[in-house]
């Protein structure tokens, strides 16, 4: 997963990173996939409103499975801090539901980051 993260971020053009991001949303998630998604998000993907909405829905679906995962929590924190402008009222509700399942020590930080996003 670490090698794939480096290849995706260092070797692909932005539009190819976006294609990888869209593709990875449809695969079965594991800790390695979380690392790749986080690396893609950190590369400042230019997500459309539709892409972000689909991603938020997938985060919500996966949140129960990763309620104790620090990788998932760190990825969520990255989403809430770097993609604030993408969060519309519908996504805000979806992300709020997602955070309700989180059982890591980052839960309060995640909730605070979500509250700072203007609607």
N, C-alpha and C. Protein backbone atom coordinates (compact mmCIF):
# COMPACT_ATOMS: atom_id res chain seq x y z
N UNK A 1 0.83 -1.20 0.00
CA UNK A 1 0.00 0.00 0.00
C UNK A 1 0.87 1.26 0.00
N UNK A 2 1.98 1.21 0.75
CA UNK A 2 2.86 2.38 0.81
C UNK A 2 3.46 2.68 -0.56
N UNK A 3 3.87 1.63 -1.27
CA UNK A 3 4.42 1.81 -2.62
C UNK A 3 3.36 2.38 -3.55
N UNK A 4 2.15 1.86 -3.48
CA UNK A 4 1.06 2.37 -4.31
C UNK A 4 0.77 3.83 -4.00
N UNK A 5 0.80 4.20 -2.74
CA UNK A 5 0.59 5.60 -2.35
C UNK A 5 1.64 6.50 -3.00
N UNK A 6 2.88 6.08 -2.92
CA UNK A 6 3.97 6.89 -3.49
C UNK A 6 3.84 7.00 -5.00
N UNK A 7 3.50 5.90 -5.65
CA UNK A 7 3.35 5.92 -7.11
C UNK A 7 2.20 6.82 -7.53
N UNK A 8 1.08 6.69 -6.85
CA UNK A 8 -0.10 7.48 -7.20
C UNK A 8 0.17 8.97 -7.03
N UNK A 9 0.76 9.33 -5.92
CA UNK A 9 0.97 10.75 -5.63
C UNK A 9 2.13 11.34 -6.43
N UNK A 10 3.22 10.60 -6.54
CA UNK A 10 4.42 11.14 -7.18
C UNK A 10 4.47 10.99 -8.70
N UNK A 11 3.75 10.02 -9.23
CA UNK A 11 3.91 9.70 -10.66
C UNK A 11 2.69 10.01 -11.53
N UNK A 12 1.56 10.21 -10.94
CA UNK A 12 0.35 10.43 -11.74
C UNK A 12 -0.01 11.90 -11.84
N UNK A 13 -0.54 12.26 -12.98
CA UNK A 13 -1.07 13.61 -13.19
C UNK A 13 -2.37 13.75 -12.38
N UNK A 14 -2.75 14.98 -12.05
CA UNK A 14 -3.96 15.19 -11.24
C UNK A 14 -5.22 14.50 -11.79
N UNK A 15 -5.42 14.54 -13.10
CA UNK A 15 -6.64 13.92 -13.63
C UNK A 15 -6.59 12.39 -13.52
N UNK A 16 -5.39 11.82 -13.54
CA UNK A 16 -5.26 10.37 -13.34
C UNK A 16 -5.47 10.01 -11.87
N UNK A 17 -5.02 10.87 -10.97
CA UNK A 17 -5.28 10.64 -9.54
C UNK A 17 -6.78 10.62 -9.27
N UNK A 18 -7.49 11.51 -9.93
CA UNK A 18 -8.94 11.56 -9.76
C UNK A 18 -9.59 10.27 -10.27
N UNK A 19 -9.09 9.74 -11.37
CA UNK A 19 -9.61 8.47 -11.89
C UNK A 19 -9.35 7.33 -10.91
N UNK A 20 -8.17 7.31 -10.31
CA UNK A 20 -7.85 6.29 -9.31
C UNK A 20 -8.77 6.45 -8.11
N UNK A 21 -9.01 7.68 -7.69
CA UNK A 21 -9.90 7.94 -6.55
C UNK A 21 -11.30 7.41 -6.85
N UNK A 22 -11.83 7.72 -8.02
CA UNK A 22 -13.18 7.26 -8.38
C UNK A 22 -13.24 5.74 -8.42
N UNK A 23 -12.18 5.11 -8.92
CA UNK A 23 -12.15 3.66 -9.02
C UNK A 23 -12.08 3.01 -7.65
N UNK A 24 -11.27 3.60 -6.78
CA UNK A 24 -11.04 2.99 -5.47
C UNK A 24 -12.29 3.06 -4.58
N UNK A 25 -13.19 3.98 -4.88
CA UNK A 25 -14.43 4.05 -4.10
C UNK A 25 -15.29 2.81 -4.32
N UNK A 26 -15.10 2.13 -5.44
CA UNK A 26 -15.90 0.96 -5.75
C UNK A 26 -15.32 -0.37 -5.31
N UNK A 27 -14.12 -0.36 -4.74
CA UNK A 27 -13.51 -1.61 -4.31
C UNK A 27 -13.79 -1.85 -2.83
N UNK A 28 -13.52 -3.06 -2.39
CA UNK A 28 -13.67 -3.40 -0.99
C UNK A 28 -12.54 -2.70 -0.20
N UNK A 29 -12.91 -2.01 0.86
CA UNK A 29 -11.93 -1.24 1.63
C UNK A 29 -11.24 -2.11 2.67
N UNK A 30 -9.95 -1.83 2.85
CA UNK A 30 -9.17 -2.38 3.96
C UNK A 30 -8.20 -1.29 4.40
N UNK A 31 -7.34 -1.58 5.33
CA UNK A 31 -6.43 -0.56 5.85
C UNK A 31 -5.51 -0.01 4.76
N UNK A 32 -5.09 -0.86 3.82
CA UNK A 32 -4.25 -0.41 2.71
C UNK A 32 -4.98 0.57 1.81
N UNK A 33 -6.24 0.28 1.53
CA UNK A 33 -7.05 1.17 0.69
C UNK A 33 -7.23 2.51 1.40
N UNK A 34 -7.42 2.47 2.72
CA UNK A 34 -7.54 3.72 3.48
C UNK A 34 -6.28 4.57 3.30
N UNK A 35 -5.13 3.94 3.31
CA UNK A 35 -3.87 4.67 3.13
C UNK A 35 -3.80 5.33 1.76
N UNK A 36 -4.23 4.60 0.73
CA UNK A 36 -4.21 5.14 -0.62
C UNK A 36 -5.19 6.31 -0.74
N UNK A 37 -6.38 6.15 -0.20
CA UNK A 37 -7.38 7.24 -0.25
C UNK A 37 -6.85 8.47 0.47
N UNK A 38 -6.25 8.26 1.63
CA UNK A 38 -5.71 9.39 2.40
C UNK A 38 -4.60 10.08 1.62
N UNK A 39 -3.74 9.31 0.99
CA UNK A 39 -2.67 9.90 0.19
C UNK A 39 -3.25 10.70 -0.98
N UNK A 40 -4.28 10.17 -1.61
CA UNK A 40 -4.93 10.89 -2.71
C UNK A 40 -5.54 12.20 -2.22
N UNK A 41 -6.20 12.15 -1.08
CA UNK A 41 -6.81 13.36 -0.53
C UNK A 41 -5.75 14.40 -0.17
N UNK A 42 -4.63 13.93 0.36
CA UNK A 42 -3.55 14.84 0.72
C UNK A 42 -2.89 15.46 -0.50
N UNK A 43 -3.08 14.84 -1.67
CA UNK A 43 -2.51 15.40 -2.89
C UNK A 43 -3.41 16.50 -3.47
N UNK A 44 -4.40 16.90 -2.70
CA UNK A 44 -5.31 18.00 -3.06
C UNK A 44 -6.06 17.72 -4.36
N UNK A 45 -6.79 16.63 -4.34
CA UNK A 45 -7.64 16.29 -5.49
C UNK A 45 -8.64 17.40 -5.75
N UNK A 46 -8.93 17.62 -7.00
CA UNK A 46 -9.94 18.60 -7.39
C UNK A 46 -11.26 17.85 -7.55
N UNK A 47 -11.94 17.63 -6.42
CA UNK A 47 -13.17 16.85 -6.43
C UNK A 47 -14.36 17.72 -6.83
N UNK A 48 -15.22 17.15 -7.65
CA UNK A 48 -16.48 17.84 -7.98
C UNK A 48 -17.44 17.63 -6.82
N UNK A 49 -18.53 18.36 -6.83
CA UNK A 49 -19.55 18.20 -5.79
C UNK A 49 -20.09 16.78 -5.81
N UNK A 50 -20.30 16.24 -7.00
CA UNK A 50 -20.80 14.87 -7.12
C UNK A 50 -19.83 13.84 -6.59
N UNK A 51 -18.54 13.99 -6.91
CA UNK A 51 -17.52 13.07 -6.41
C UNK A 51 -17.45 13.13 -4.89
N UNK A 52 -17.50 14.34 -4.35
CA UNK A 52 -17.42 14.47 -2.90
C UNK A 52 -18.64 13.87 -2.23
N UNK A 53 -19.82 14.06 -2.80
CA UNK A 53 -21.05 13.48 -2.23
C UNK A 53 -20.97 11.96 -2.22
N UNK A 54 -20.51 11.37 -3.32
CA UNK A 54 -20.36 9.91 -3.37
C UNK A 54 -19.35 9.43 -2.33
N UNK A 55 -18.28 10.18 -2.19
CA UNK A 55 -17.26 9.83 -1.21
C UNK A 55 -17.83 9.91 0.21
N UNK A 56 -18.57 10.96 0.49
CA UNK A 56 -19.17 11.11 1.83
C UNK A 56 -20.12 9.95 2.14
N UNK A 57 -20.89 9.54 1.14
CA UNK A 57 -21.79 8.41 1.34
C UNK A 57 -21.02 7.12 1.59
N UNK A 58 -19.93 6.94 0.85
CA UNK A 58 -19.11 5.74 1.06
C UNK A 58 -18.44 5.77 2.43
N UNK A 59 -18.01 6.95 2.87
CA UNK A 59 -17.44 7.07 4.22
C UNK A 59 -18.47 6.65 5.26
N UNK A 60 -19.70 7.06 5.06
CA UNK A 60 -20.76 6.71 6.00
C UNK A 60 -20.99 5.20 6.02
N UNK A 61 -20.98 4.58 4.85
CA UNK A 61 -21.16 3.13 4.78
C UNK A 61 -20.02 2.39 5.48
N UNK A 62 -18.81 2.90 5.34
CA UNK A 62 -17.64 2.23 5.89
C UNK A 62 -17.40 2.55 7.37
N UNK A 63 -18.03 3.60 7.88
CA UNK A 63 -17.71 4.09 9.22
C UNK A 63 -17.97 3.07 10.32
N UNK A 64 -18.96 2.25 10.18
CA UNK A 64 -19.23 1.24 11.20
C UNK A 64 -18.12 0.20 11.25
N UNK A 65 -17.60 -0.17 10.07
CA UNK A 65 -16.53 -1.17 10.00
C UNK A 65 -15.21 -0.63 10.55
N UNK A 66 -15.03 0.68 10.46
CA UNK A 66 -13.76 1.29 10.87
C UNK A 66 -13.93 2.22 12.08
N UNK A 67 -14.86 1.88 12.94
CA UNK A 67 -15.16 2.74 14.08
C UNK A 67 -13.96 2.90 15.03
N UNK A 68 -13.06 1.92 15.05
CA UNK A 68 -11.91 1.98 15.95
C UNK A 68 -10.59 2.18 15.20
N UNK A 69 -10.68 2.44 13.91
CA UNK A 69 -9.48 2.59 13.09
C UNK A 69 -8.93 4.01 13.14
N UNK A 70 -7.67 4.12 13.53
CA UNK A 70 -7.02 5.43 13.56
C UNK A 70 -6.78 5.94 12.14
N UNK A 71 -6.49 5.04 11.20
CA UNK A 71 -6.30 5.47 9.81
C UNK A 71 -7.57 6.10 9.27
N UNK A 72 -8.69 5.47 9.56
CA UNK A 72 -9.97 6.01 9.09
C UNK A 72 -10.25 7.36 9.75
N UNK A 73 -10.00 7.45 11.05
CA UNK A 73 -10.24 8.71 11.76
C UNK A 73 -9.35 9.83 11.24
N UNK A 74 -8.08 9.52 10.97
CA UNK A 74 -7.17 10.54 10.43
C UNK A 74 -7.60 10.96 9.03
N UNK A 75 -8.08 10.02 8.25
CA UNK A 75 -8.56 10.36 6.91
C UNK A 75 -9.78 11.27 7.01
N UNK A 76 -10.69 10.96 7.94
CA UNK A 76 -11.87 11.81 8.14
C UNK A 76 -11.46 13.22 8.55
N UNK A 77 -10.49 13.32 9.44
CA UNK A 77 -10.02 14.63 9.88
C UNK A 77 -9.43 15.41 8.70
N UNK A 78 -8.72 14.73 7.85
CA UNK A 78 -8.18 15.35 6.65
C UNK A 78 -9.30 15.85 5.74
N UNK A 79 -10.33 15.04 5.58
CA UNK A 79 -11.49 15.44 4.76
C UNK A 79 -12.15 16.68 5.34
N UNK A 80 -12.34 16.70 6.64
CA UNK A 80 -13.04 17.81 7.29
C UNK A 80 -12.23 19.10 7.30
N UNK A 81 -10.92 18.99 7.24
CA UNK A 81 -10.11 20.20 7.26
C UNK A 81 -9.74 20.70 5.86
N UNK A 82 -9.51 19.77 4.94
CA UNK A 82 -9.04 20.18 3.61
C UNK A 82 -10.15 20.35 2.58
N UNK A 83 -11.30 19.79 2.85
CA UNK A 83 -12.38 19.83 1.86
C UNK A 83 -13.64 20.49 2.44
N UNK A 84 -13.44 21.47 3.31
CA UNK A 84 -14.56 22.18 3.93
C UNK A 84 -15.49 22.79 2.90
N UNK A 85 -14.93 23.34 1.84
CA UNK A 85 -15.75 24.03 0.84
C UNK A 85 -16.66 23.08 0.08
N UNK A 86 -16.40 21.80 0.14
CA UNK A 86 -17.21 20.80 -0.56
C UNK A 86 -18.42 20.35 0.27
N UNK A 87 -18.42 20.69 1.55
CA UNK A 87 -19.46 20.17 2.45
C UNK A 87 -20.72 21.04 2.35
N UNK A 88 -21.74 20.48 1.71
CA UNK A 88 -23.05 21.14 1.64
C UNK A 88 -23.91 20.57 2.77
N UNK A 89 -25.11 21.09 2.98
CA UNK A 89 -25.94 20.59 4.09
C UNK A 89 -26.18 19.08 4.06
N UNK A 90 -26.37 18.52 2.89
CA UNK A 90 -26.59 17.07 2.78
C UNK A 90 -25.34 16.30 3.21
N UNK A 91 -24.19 16.73 2.71
CA UNK A 91 -22.93 16.08 3.09
C UNK A 91 -22.64 16.28 4.58
N UNK A 92 -23.00 17.43 5.10
CA UNK A 92 -22.78 17.71 6.52
C UNK A 92 -23.53 16.69 7.36
N UNK A 93 -24.77 16.42 7.00
CA UNK A 93 -25.57 15.43 7.73
C UNK A 93 -24.95 14.04 7.59
N UNK A 94 -24.53 13.69 6.37
CA UNK A 94 -23.91 12.39 6.12
C UNK A 94 -22.64 12.22 6.94
N UNK A 95 -21.80 13.26 6.96
CA UNK A 95 -20.55 13.19 7.72
C UNK A 95 -20.81 13.16 9.22
N UNK A 96 -21.85 13.84 9.66
CA UNK A 96 -22.22 13.80 11.07
C UNK A 96 -22.61 12.38 11.48
N UNK A 97 -23.37 11.71 10.62
CA UNK A 97 -23.74 10.32 10.88
C UNK A 97 -22.50 9.43 10.93
N UNK A 98 -21.59 9.70 10.04
CA UNK A 98 -20.34 8.95 9.96
C UNK A 98 -19.55 9.09 11.27
N UNK A 99 -19.47 10.30 11.78
CA UNK A 99 -18.70 10.56 13.00
C UNK A 99 -19.33 9.91 14.23
N UNK A 100 -20.64 9.70 14.19
CA UNK A 100 -21.31 9.12 15.36
C UNK A 100 -20.81 7.72 15.68
N UNK A 101 -20.28 7.01 14.70
CA UNK A 101 -19.78 5.65 14.92
C UNK A 101 -18.33 5.63 15.41
N UNK A 102 -17.63 6.74 15.29
CA UNK A 102 -16.22 6.77 15.62
C UNK A 102 -15.99 6.54 17.11
N UNK A 103 -15.06 5.64 17.41
CA UNK A 103 -14.73 5.32 18.80
C UNK A 103 -13.26 5.57 19.13
N UNK A 104 -12.60 6.41 18.34
CA UNK A 104 -11.20 6.70 18.61
C UNK A 104 -11.08 7.96 19.47
N UNK A 105 -9.87 8.22 19.93
CA UNK A 105 -9.66 9.43 20.74
C UNK A 105 -9.79 10.70 19.90
N UNK A 106 -9.86 10.57 18.60
CA UNK A 106 -10.01 11.73 17.71
C UNK A 106 -11.47 12.17 17.54
N UNK A 107 -12.39 11.47 18.17
CA UNK A 107 -13.82 11.77 17.95
C UNK A 107 -14.15 13.23 18.26
N UNK A 108 -13.66 13.75 19.37
CA UNK A 108 -13.96 15.14 19.72
C UNK A 108 -13.35 16.11 18.72
N UNK A 109 -12.15 15.82 18.26
CA UNK A 109 -11.51 16.67 17.24
C UNK A 109 -12.30 16.62 15.93
N UNK A 110 -12.79 15.46 15.57
CA UNK A 110 -13.59 15.31 14.36
C UNK A 110 -14.89 16.10 14.47
N UNK A 111 -15.55 15.99 15.62
CA UNK A 111 -16.80 16.73 15.82
C UNK A 111 -16.56 18.23 15.81
N UNK A 112 -15.47 18.68 16.41
CA UNK A 112 -15.14 20.11 16.42
C UNK A 112 -14.85 20.59 14.99
N UNK A 113 -14.12 19.78 14.21
CA UNK A 113 -13.82 20.17 12.82
C UNK A 113 -15.12 20.26 12.00
N UNK A 114 -16.05 19.37 12.24
CA UNK A 114 -17.33 19.41 11.52
C UNK A 114 -18.14 20.64 11.92
N UNK A 115 -18.11 21.00 13.18
CA UNK A 115 -18.85 22.18 13.67
C UNK A 115 -18.28 23.48 13.08
N UNK A 116 -16.99 23.49 12.78
CA UNK A 116 -16.37 24.70 12.22
C UNK A 116 -16.72 24.93 10.76
N UNK A 117 -17.31 23.94 10.11
CA UNK A 117 -17.65 24.08 8.69
C UNK A 117 -18.96 24.86 8.57
N UNK A 118 -18.89 26.03 7.92
CA UNK A 118 -20.10 26.83 7.78
C UNK A 118 -21.06 26.18 6.77
N UNK A 119 -22.35 26.30 7.06
CA UNK A 119 -23.35 25.73 6.14
C UNK A 119 -23.95 26.81 5.28
